[in-house]
Amino acid sequence: MSVTTRLLRLLTIFLFATLTFSAMAIDRDFPASTLRGKLIVTDYPNVTINGNALRLSPGSRIWNTQQLTQTPNSLGSDTYVVNYTLNVQGDIDRVWILTSDEVGQKVDAQRNSLKR
């Protein structure tokens, strides 16, 4: 087998492996206390969820649809369907921007009863 044939085979295997991994959906696991709402960042740290004025807690985290963290100012003033949790002070401490598939699922089905 020639070097060129080996390289082509390796490249083909790598390409198929890459396509397979990128097609795999991320199955996110949300805490038992997760709530659902429509989020708008109004004036950081102030936000509205379903029309109610709330605040992002210091150190809050926002995950986008690719499960990467995002800063609140990068969201602009768009409306996002999100899952979120509240801390003991009633501030939002974790936010997950949902994919269209996740939006189609009920939040009760997404909650993991083992996580808080």
Protein backbone atom coordinates (compact mmCIF):
# COMPACT_ATOMS: atom_id res chain seq x y z
CA MET A 1 0.00 0.00 0.00
CA SER A 2 1.44 3.35 -0.98
CA VAL A 3 1.92 6.31 1.32
CA THR A 4 -0.68 8.29 -0.65
CA THR A 5 -3.30 5.55 -0.21
CA ARG A 6 -2.62 5.37 3.53
CA LEU A 7 -2.92 9.13 3.86
CA LEU A 8 -6.20 9.13 1.94
CA ARG A 9 -7.59 6.37 4.17
CA LEU A 10 -6.54 8.19 7.33
CA LEU A 11 -8.02 11.43 6.04
CA THR A 12 -11.29 9.66 5.21
CA ILE A 13 -11.47 8.05 8.65
CA PHE A 14 -10.74 11.39 10.31
CA LEU A 15 -13.41 13.12 8.22
CA PHE A 16 -16.09 10.56 9.09
CA ALA A 17 -15.15 10.66 12.78
CA THR A 18 -15.35 14.45 12.79
CA LEU A 19 -18.76 14.44 11.11
CA THR A 20 -20.06 11.81 13.52
CA PHE A 21 -18.99 13.75 16.63
CA SER A 22 -20.36 17.05 15.37
CA ALA A 23 -23.75 15.45 14.65
CA MET A 24 -24.08 14.17 18.20
CA ALA A 25 -26.53 16.25 20.19
CA ILE A 26 -25.57 17.65 23.56
CA ASP A 27 -27.96 16.27 26.13
CA ARG A 28 -27.88 18.86 28.87
CA ASP A 29 -28.81 17.98 32.41
CA PHE A 30 -30.69 20.66 34.35
CA PRO A 31 -31.01 20.86 38.15
CA ALA A 32 -34.25 19.90 39.92
CA SER A 33 -34.91 23.58 40.73
CA THR A 34 -34.84 24.66 37.05
CA LEU A 35 -37.47 27.11 35.85
CA ARG A 36 -38.36 28.16 32.27
CA GLY A 37 -38.91 31.66 30.92
CA LYS A 38 -38.26 34.26 28.26
CA LEU A 39 -35.20 36.31 29.18
CA ILE A 40 -34.33 39.85 28.13
CA VAL A 41 -31.20 41.55 29.49
CA THR A 42 -32.39 45.11 30.13
CA ASP A 43 -29.58 46.87 31.97
CA TYR A 44 -27.00 44.49 33.43
CA PRO A 45 -27.43 43.03 36.03
CA ASN A 46 -31.15 43.71 35.59
CA VAL A 47 -33.16 41.35 33.39
CA THR A 48 -36.78 40.50 32.78
CA ILE A 49 -38.11 36.98 32.69
CA ASN A 50 -41.69 36.61 31.50
CA GLY A 51 -42.12 40.34 32.15
CA ASN A 52 -40.92 40.16 35.78
CA ALA A 53 -37.94 42.29 36.79
CA LEU A 54 -35.11 40.18 38.24
CA ARG A 55 -31.35 40.47 38.70
CA LEU A 56 -28.42 38.31 37.74
CA SER A 57 -26.46 37.38 40.84
CA PRO A 58 -22.78 38.24 41.15
CA GLY A 59 -20.93 35.37 39.50
CA SER A 60 -23.96 34.18 37.57
CA ARG A 61 -23.26 32.02 34.53
CA ILE A 62 -24.99 31.97 31.16
CA TRP A 63 -24.55 29.03 28.79
CA ASN A 64 -25.46 29.40 25.12
CA THR A 65 -26.91 26.67 22.87
CA GLN A 66 -23.40 25.26 22.29
CA GLN A 67 -22.87 24.95 26.07
CA LEU A 68 -20.29 27.76 26.06
CA THR A 69 -20.46 30.54 28.64
CA GLN A 70 -21.48 33.99 27.48
CA THR A 71 -21.29 37.41 29.04
CA PRO A 72 -24.63 39.16 29.57
CA ASN A 73 -23.64 42.19 27.47
CA SER A 74 -23.04 39.92 24.45
CA LEU A 75 -26.73 38.97 24.42
CA GLY A 76 -27.98 42.42 23.45
CA SER A 77 -31.67 43.13 23.94
CA ASP A 78 -32.98 40.01 22.17
CA THR A 79 -35.47 37.66 23.81
CA TYR A 80 -34.24 34.16 24.64
CA VAL A 81 -36.15 31.12 25.85
CA VAL A 82 -34.11 29.88 28.78
CA ASN A 83 -33.97 27.51 31.69
CA TYR A 84 -32.70 29.20 34.83
CA THR A 85 -32.23 28.78 38.56
CA LEU A 86 -32.56 31.21 41.44
CA ASN A 87 -30.27 31.52 44.44
CA VAL A 88 -31.50 31.95 48.04
CA GLN A 89 -31.69 35.75 47.60
CA GLY A 90 -34.04 35.32 44.61
CA ASP A 91 -31.45 36.37 42.03
CA ILE A 92 -30.75 34.36 38.88
CA ASP A 93 -27.54 32.40 39.26
CA ARG A 94 -27.57 30.02 36.26
CA VAL A 95 -29.05 30.48 32.78
CA TRP A 96 -29.15 28.06 29.85
CA ILE A 97 -30.21 29.47 26.47
CA LEU A 98 -32.26 26.68 24.92
CA THR A 99 -32.01 25.11 21.50
CA SER A 100 -35.20 24.72 19.44
CA ASP A 101 -35.29 21.02 20.39
CA GLU A 102 -35.02 21.85 24.10
CA VAL A 103 -37.75 24.50 23.81
CA GLY A 104 -40.04 21.76 22.48
CA GLN A 105 -39.54 19.69 25.66
CA LYS A 106 -41.33 20.38 28.92
CA VAL A 107 -39.06 21.67 31.67
CA ASP A 108 -40.30 18.91 34.02
CA ALA A 109 -38.86 16.30 31.66
CA GLN A 110 -35.49 18.09 31.57
CA ARG A 111 -35.01 18.35 35.32
CA ASN A 112 -32.61 15.97 37.01
CA SER A 113 -34.07 15.14 40.40
CA LEU A 114 -30.59 14.31 41.74
CA LYS A 115 -29.15 17.81 41.19
CA ARG A 116 -30.01 21.02 43.03
